[in-house]
Amino acid sequence: MITPDEIIRGMADKNRMLTQKNEEYVELSEKRAQAERAYSVAVAKETLKQKAEGQSITIIDKVVKGSVADLKYALDVSEGVLKACLNSIKALTIAIDTYRSLLTWLRAEMMRAE
């Protein structure tokens, strides 16, 4: 049987982890925004360059996509990492809620046993 102390320690541990993940989420959000800005600026510059060089308008998008593929990859990766962090935050929140439910149940069991 799980003890109230174990539940409280578990909750405290998950709360600490949640705080760390929230801080990490802020940092990852900034990195994602930077990656998006770099990608958008590169697309705009390359589009203007292609137009200035007389590239056919019908294929400029394809040429630009190829030129900025590494930046698009970095943006996609940053979005994936950000989503993974958000999923971790959700999982930690669920774990904390589970500990709360266990504590409530255990309290009810102890009161019933008295």
N, C-alpha and C. Protein backbone atom coordinates (compact mmCIF):
# COMPACT_ATOMS: atom_id res chain seq x y z
N MET A 1 0.85 -1.18 0.00
CA MET A 1 0.00 0.00 0.00
C MET A 1 0.89 1.24 0.00
N ILE A 2 0.51 2.18 -0.82
CA ILE A 2 1.25 3.43 -0.92
C ILE A 2 0.93 4.32 0.29
N THR A 3 1.94 4.97 0.79
CA THR A 3 1.75 5.81 1.98
C THR A 3 1.53 7.26 1.58
N PRO A 4 0.91 8.06 2.47
CA PRO A 4 0.75 9.49 2.17
C PRO A 4 2.08 10.18 1.90
N ASP A 5 3.11 9.79 2.65
CA ASP A 5 4.44 10.40 2.44
C ASP A 5 4.96 10.12 1.03
N GLU A 6 4.77 8.90 0.55
CA GLU A 6 5.21 8.55 -0.81
C GLU A 6 4.44 9.37 -1.86
N ILE A 7 3.16 9.55 -1.61
CA ILE A 7 2.33 10.33 -2.54
C ILE A 7 2.80 11.78 -2.56
N ILE A 8 3.02 12.34 -1.39
CA ILE A 8 3.44 13.75 -1.29
C ILE A 8 4.82 13.94 -1.92
N ARG A 9 5.73 13.00 -1.68
CA ARG A 9 7.06 13.07 -2.31
C ARG A 9 6.94 12.98 -3.82
N GLY A 10 6.07 12.07 -4.28
CA GLY A 10 5.86 11.92 -5.71
C GLY A 10 5.30 13.20 -6.33
N MET A 11 4.33 13.81 -5.65
CA MET A 11 3.76 15.07 -6.14
C MET A 11 4.81 16.17 -6.18
N ALA A 12 5.61 16.26 -5.14
CA ALA A 12 6.65 17.28 -5.08
C ALA A 12 7.65 17.09 -6.22
N ASP A 13 8.01 15.84 -6.47
CA ASP A 13 8.94 15.53 -7.55
C ASP A 13 8.36 15.92 -8.91
N LYS A 14 7.11 15.56 -9.14
CA LYS A 14 6.46 15.89 -10.41
C LYS A 14 6.28 17.40 -10.56
N ASN A 15 5.98 18.10 -9.46
CA ASN A 15 5.87 19.56 -9.51
C ASN A 15 7.20 20.21 -9.88
N ARG A 16 8.29 19.69 -9.34
CA ARG A 16 9.62 20.21 -9.67
C ARG A 16 9.92 19.97 -11.15
N MET A 17 9.59 18.77 -11.61
CA MET A 17 9.81 18.44 -13.02
C MET A 17 8.95 19.31 -13.93
N LEU A 18 7.71 19.58 -13.49
CA LEU A 18 6.82 20.43 -14.27
C LEU A 18 7.37 21.85 -14.39
N THR A 19 7.90 22.36 -13.30
CA THR A 19 8.51 23.70 -13.32
C THR A 19 9.67 23.73 -14.31
N GLN A 20 10.51 22.70 -14.29
CA GLN A 20 11.64 22.64 -15.22
C GLN A 20 11.17 22.56 -16.66
N LYS A 21 10.13 21.76 -16.91
CA LYS A 21 9.60 21.62 -18.27
C LYS A 21 8.99 22.93 -18.75
N ASN A 22 8.32 23.65 -17.86
CA ASN A 22 7.75 24.93 -18.25
C ASN A 22 8.84 25.92 -18.64
N GLU A 23 9.94 25.93 -17.89
CA GLU A 23 11.07 26.78 -18.24
C GLU A 23 11.68 26.37 -19.58
N GLU A 24 11.79 25.06 -19.77
CA GLU A 24 12.32 24.53 -21.03
C GLU A 24 11.40 24.92 -22.19
N TYR A 25 10.09 24.88 -21.96
CA TYR A 25 9.12 25.22 -23.00
C TYR A 25 9.30 26.67 -23.46
N VAL A 26 9.56 27.55 -22.51
CA VAL A 26 9.78 28.96 -22.86
C VAL A 26 11.01 29.07 -23.78
N GLU A 27 12.09 28.41 -23.41
CA GLU A 27 13.31 28.45 -24.22
C GLU A 27 13.08 27.85 -25.61
N LEU A 28 12.38 26.72 -25.65
CA LEU A 28 12.12 26.06 -26.93
C LEU A 28 11.19 26.89 -27.81
N SER A 29 10.26 27.60 -27.19
CA SER A 29 9.37 28.48 -27.95
C SER A 29 10.16 29.59 -28.62
N GLU A 30 11.13 30.12 -27.89
CA GLU A 30 11.97 31.18 -28.46
C GLU A 30 12.81 30.63 -29.61
N LYS A 31 13.37 29.44 -29.44
CA LYS A 31 14.18 28.84 -30.51
C LYS A 31 13.32 28.57 -31.75
N ARG A 32 12.09 28.13 -31.53
CA ARG A 32 11.20 27.87 -32.65
C ARG A 32 10.88 29.18 -33.38
N ALA A 33 10.62 30.23 -32.62
CA ALA A 33 10.33 31.53 -33.23
C ALA A 33 11.54 32.03 -34.02
N GLN A 34 12.73 31.85 -33.50
CA GLN A 34 13.94 32.26 -34.21
C GLN A 34 14.11 31.46 -35.50
N ALA A 35 13.82 30.17 -35.44
CA ALA A 35 13.93 29.32 -36.63
C ALA A 35 12.90 29.75 -37.68
N GLU A 36 11.70 30.08 -37.23
CA GLU A 36 10.67 30.52 -38.18
C GLU A 36 11.05 31.85 -38.82
N ARG A 37 11.59 32.76 -38.01
CA ARG A 37 12.02 34.05 -38.55
C ARG A 37 13.14 33.86 -39.58
N ALA A 38 14.12 33.05 -39.25
CA ALA A 38 15.24 32.81 -40.18
C ALA A 38 14.73 32.20 -41.48
N TYR A 39 13.80 31.26 -41.38
CA TYR A 39 13.25 30.62 -42.57
C TYR A 39 12.47 31.63 -43.41
N SER A 40 11.61 32.42 -42.77
CA SER A 40 10.79 33.39 -43.49
C SER A 40 11.64 34.45 -44.19
N VAL A 41 12.66 34.93 -43.50
CA VAL A 41 13.55 35.93 -44.09
C VAL A 41 14.31 35.33 -45.28
N ALA A 42 14.78 34.11 -45.12
CA ALA A 42 15.52 33.47 -46.21
C ALA A 42 14.62 33.23 -47.42
N VAL A 43 13.38 32.83 -47.19
CA VAL A 43 12.44 32.62 -48.30
C VAL A 43 12.22 33.95 -49.03
N ALA A 44 11.98 35.00 -48.29
CA ALA A 44 11.75 36.31 -48.91
C ALA A 44 12.97 36.76 -49.71
N LYS A 45 14.16 36.66 -49.14
CA LYS A 45 15.38 37.08 -49.84
C LYS A 45 15.61 36.26 -51.11
N GLU A 46 15.44 34.95 -50.98
CA GLU A 46 15.69 34.08 -52.13
C GLU A 46 14.64 34.32 -53.22
N THR A 47 13.41 34.58 -52.82
CA THR A 47 12.36 34.87 -53.80
C THR A 47 12.71 36.15 -54.58
N LEU A 48 13.10 37.19 -53.86
CA LEU A 48 13.49 38.43 -54.52
C LEU A 48 14.70 38.23 -55.42
N LYS A 49 15.65 37.45 -54.98
CA LYS A 49 16.85 37.18 -55.77
C LYS A 49 16.48 36.46 -57.07
N GLN A 50 15.61 35.45 -56.93
CA GLN A 50 15.21 34.70 -58.13
C GLN A 50 14.45 35.58 -59.12
N LYS A 51 13.60 36.46 -58.60
CA LYS A 51 12.86 37.38 -59.47
C LYS A 51 13.83 38.34 -60.17
N ALA A 52 14.80 38.85 -59.40
CA ALA A 52 15.78 39.78 -59.96
C ALA A 52 16.63 39.12 -61.04
N GLU A 53 16.87 37.81 -60.89
CA GLU A 53 17.67 37.08 -61.88
C GLU A 53 16.84 36.65 -63.08
N GLY A 54 15.53 36.98 -63.03
CA GLY A 54 14.68 36.66 -64.18
C GLY A 54 14.15 35.24 -64.20
N GLN A 55 14.19 34.58 -63.10
CA GLN A 55 13.67 33.21 -63.01
C GLN A 55 12.18 33.21 -63.33
N SER A 56 11.73 32.19 -63.99
CA SER A 56 10.31 32.05 -64.32
C SER A 56 9.49 31.98 -63.03
N ILE A 57 8.46 32.80 -62.99
CA ILE A 57 7.65 32.90 -61.77
C ILE A 57 7.01 31.56 -61.40
N THR A 58 6.72 30.74 -62.38
CA THR A 58 6.05 29.47 -62.10
C THR A 58 6.92 28.48 -61.32
N ILE A 59 8.23 28.64 -61.40
CA ILE A 59 9.09 27.69 -60.67
C ILE A 59 9.87 28.32 -59.51
N ILE A 60 9.65 29.60 -59.27
CA ILE A 60 10.39 30.26 -58.19
C ILE A 60 10.16 29.56 -56.86
N ASP A 61 8.91 29.20 -56.56
CA ASP A 61 8.63 28.54 -55.28
C ASP A 61 9.44 27.27 -55.10
N LYS A 62 9.56 26.48 -56.16
CA LYS A 62 10.32 25.23 -56.07
C LYS A 62 11.80 25.49 -55.87
N VAL A 63 12.32 26.47 -56.58
CA VAL A 63 13.74 26.82 -56.46
C VAL A 63 14.03 27.34 -55.05
N VAL A 64 13.14 28.19 -54.56
CA VAL A 64 13.31 28.77 -53.22
C VAL A 64 13.27 27.67 -52.16
N LYS A 65 12.30 26.77 -52.28
CA LYS A 65 12.19 25.68 -51.30
C LYS A 65 13.48 24.87 -51.23
N GLY A 66 14.07 24.62 -52.37
CA GLY A 66 15.33 23.88 -52.39
C GLY A 66 16.47 24.66 -51.75
N SER A 67 16.45 25.96 -51.95
CA SER A 67 17.53 26.80 -51.43
C SER A 67 17.49 26.95 -49.91
N VAL A 68 16.30 26.88 -49.35
CA VAL A 68 16.16 27.10 -47.90
C VAL A 68 15.75 25.82 -47.17
N ALA A 69 16.01 24.68 -47.77
CA ALA A 69 15.59 23.39 -47.20
C ALA A 69 16.18 23.15 -45.81
N ASP A 70 17.43 23.55 -45.61
CA ASP A 70 18.05 23.35 -44.29
C ASP A 70 17.35 24.18 -43.22
N LEU A 71 16.95 25.39 -43.57
CA LEU A 71 16.23 26.23 -42.60
C LEU A 71 14.84 25.68 -42.33
N LYS A 72 14.19 25.13 -43.35
CA LYS A 72 12.88 24.50 -43.17
C LYS A 72 13.01 23.28 -42.27
N TYR A 73 14.06 22.52 -42.46
CA TYR A 73 14.32 21.36 -41.61
C TYR A 73 14.50 21.79 -40.15
N ALA A 74 15.28 22.84 -39.94
CA ALA A 74 15.50 23.34 -38.58
C ALA A 74 14.19 23.81 -37.95
N LEU A 75 13.34 24.43 -38.74
CA LEU A 75 12.03 24.86 -38.25
C LEU A 75 11.16 23.66 -37.89
N ASP A 76 11.13 22.67 -38.75
CA ASP A 76 10.34 21.47 -38.49
C ASP A 76 10.81 20.74 -37.23
N VAL A 77 12.12 20.64 -37.08
CA VAL A 77 12.68 19.99 -35.88
C VAL A 77 12.32 20.78 -34.63
N SER A 78 12.45 22.09 -34.69
CA SER A 78 12.13 22.91 -33.51
C SER A 78 10.66 22.79 -33.14
N GLU A 79 9.79 22.68 -34.14
CA GLU A 79 8.37 22.48 -33.86
C GLU A 79 8.11 21.12 -33.21
N GLY A 80 8.81 20.10 -33.70
CA GLY A 80 8.66 18.76 -33.13
C GLY A 80 9.14 18.70 -31.68
N VAL A 81 10.25 19.33 -31.40
CA VAL A 81 10.79 19.35 -30.04
C VAL A 81 9.86 20.12 -29.11
N LEU A 82 9.30 21.21 -29.61
CA LEU A 82 8.36 22.01 -28.82
C LEU A 82 7.10 21.20 -28.50
N LYS A 83 6.59 20.46 -29.48
CA LYS A 83 5.41 19.61 -29.25
C LYS A 83 5.72 18.50 -28.25
N ALA A 84 6.91 17.92 -28.35
CA ALA A 84 7.30 16.87 -27.41
C ALA A 84 7.37 17.41 -25.99
N CYS A 85 7.88 18.61 -25.85
CA CYS A 85 7.96 19.25 -24.53
C CYS A 85 6.56 19.50 -23.99
N LEU A 86 5.67 19.97 -24.84
CA LEU A 86 4.29 20.21 -24.42
C LEU A 86 3.61 18.91 -24.00
N ASN A 87 3.90 17.83 -24.71
CA ASN A 87 3.35 16.52 -24.32
C ASN A 87 3.90 16.08 -22.96
N SER A 88 5.16 16.37 -22.70
CA SER A 88 5.75 16.06 -21.40
C SER A 88 5.07 16.86 -20.30
N ILE A 89 4.77 18.12 -20.58
CA ILE A 89 4.07 18.97 -19.60
C ILE A 89 2.70 18.39 -19.31
N LYS A 90 2.00 17.96 -20.34
CA LYS A 90 0.67 17.36 -20.16
C LYS A 90 0.77 16.07 -19.34
N ALA A 91 1.77 15.26 -19.63
CA ALA A 91 1.95 14.00 -18.90
C ALA A 91 2.26 14.26 -17.43
N LEU A 92 3.07 15.25 -17.15
CA LEU A 92 3.39 15.59 -15.76
C LEU A 92 2.15 16.11 -15.03
N THR A 93 1.34 16.90 -15.73
CA THR A 93 0.11 17.40 -15.13
C THR A 93 -0.83 16.25 -14.80
N ILE A 94 -0.93 15.29 -15.69
CA ILE A 94 -1.76 14.11 -15.44
C ILE A 94 -1.22 13.32 -14.25
N ALA A 95 0.09 13.19 -14.17
CA ALA A 95 0.69 12.46 -13.04
C ALA A 95 0.37 13.17 -11.72
N ILE A 96 0.45 14.49 -11.71
CA ILE A 96 0.14 15.25 -10.50
C ILE A 96 -1.33 15.06 -10.12
N ASP A 97 -2.20 15.10 -11.12
CA ASP A 97 -3.63 14.87 -10.86
C ASP A 97 -3.87 13.47 -10.32
N THR A 98 -3.13 12.50 -10.81
CA THR A 98 -3.25 11.13 -10.31
C THR A 98 -2.82 11.05 -8.85
N TYR A 99 -1.72 11.71 -8.51
CA TYR A 99 -1.29 11.75 -7.11
C TYR A 99 -2.35 12.40 -6.23
N ARG A 100 -2.96 13.48 -6.72
CA ARG A 100 -4.02 14.14 -5.95
C ARG A 100 -5.19 13.18 -5.71
N SER A 101 -5.56 12.45 -6.75
CA SER A 101 -6.65 11.48 -6.62
C SER A 101 -6.29 10.38 -5.63
N LEU A 102 -5.06 9.91 -5.70
CA LEU A 102 -4.61 8.89 -4.74
C LEU A 102 -4.66 9.41 -3.31
N LEU A 103 -4.23 10.63 -3.13
CA LEU A 103 -4.23 11.23 -1.80
C LEU A 103 -5.66 11.38 -1.28
N THR A 104 -6.56 11.81 -2.13
CA THR A 104 -7.97 11.94 -1.75
C THR A 104 -8.55 10.58 -1.39
N TRP A 105 -8.25 9.59 -2.22
CA TRP A 105 -8.74 8.23 -1.96
C TRP A 105 -8.17 7.70 -0.65
N LEU A 106 -6.89 7.89 -0.43
CA LEU A 106 -6.25 7.39 0.78
C LEU A 106 -6.82 8.08 2.02
N ARG A 107 -7.07 9.38 1.93
CA ARG A 107 -7.67 10.11 3.04
C ARG A 107 -9.06 9.54 3.35
N ALA A 108 -9.85 9.29 2.33
CA ALA A 108 -11.18 8.71 2.53
C ALA A 108 -11.08 7.33 3.15
N GLU A 109 -10.13 6.54 2.72
CA GLU A 109 -9.93 5.20 3.29
C GLU A 109 -9.53 5.28 4.76
N MET A 110 -8.68 6.21 5.09
CA MET A 110 -8.24 6.36 6.48
C MET A 110 -9.39 6.83 7.36
N MET A 111 -10.21 7.73 6.85
CA MET A 111 -11.35 8.22 7.62
C MET A 111 -12.38 7.11 7.81
N ARG A 112 -12.55 6.28 6.83
CA ARG A 112 -13.49 5.16 6.91
C ARG A 112 -13.02 4.11 7.90
N ALA A 113 -11.70 3.94 7.99
CA ALA A 113 -11.13 2.93 8.88
C ALA A 113 -11.21 3.37 10.34
N GLU A 114 -11.38 4.66 10.60
CA GLU A 114 -11.40 5.15 11.99
C GLU A 114 -12.69 4.83 12.69
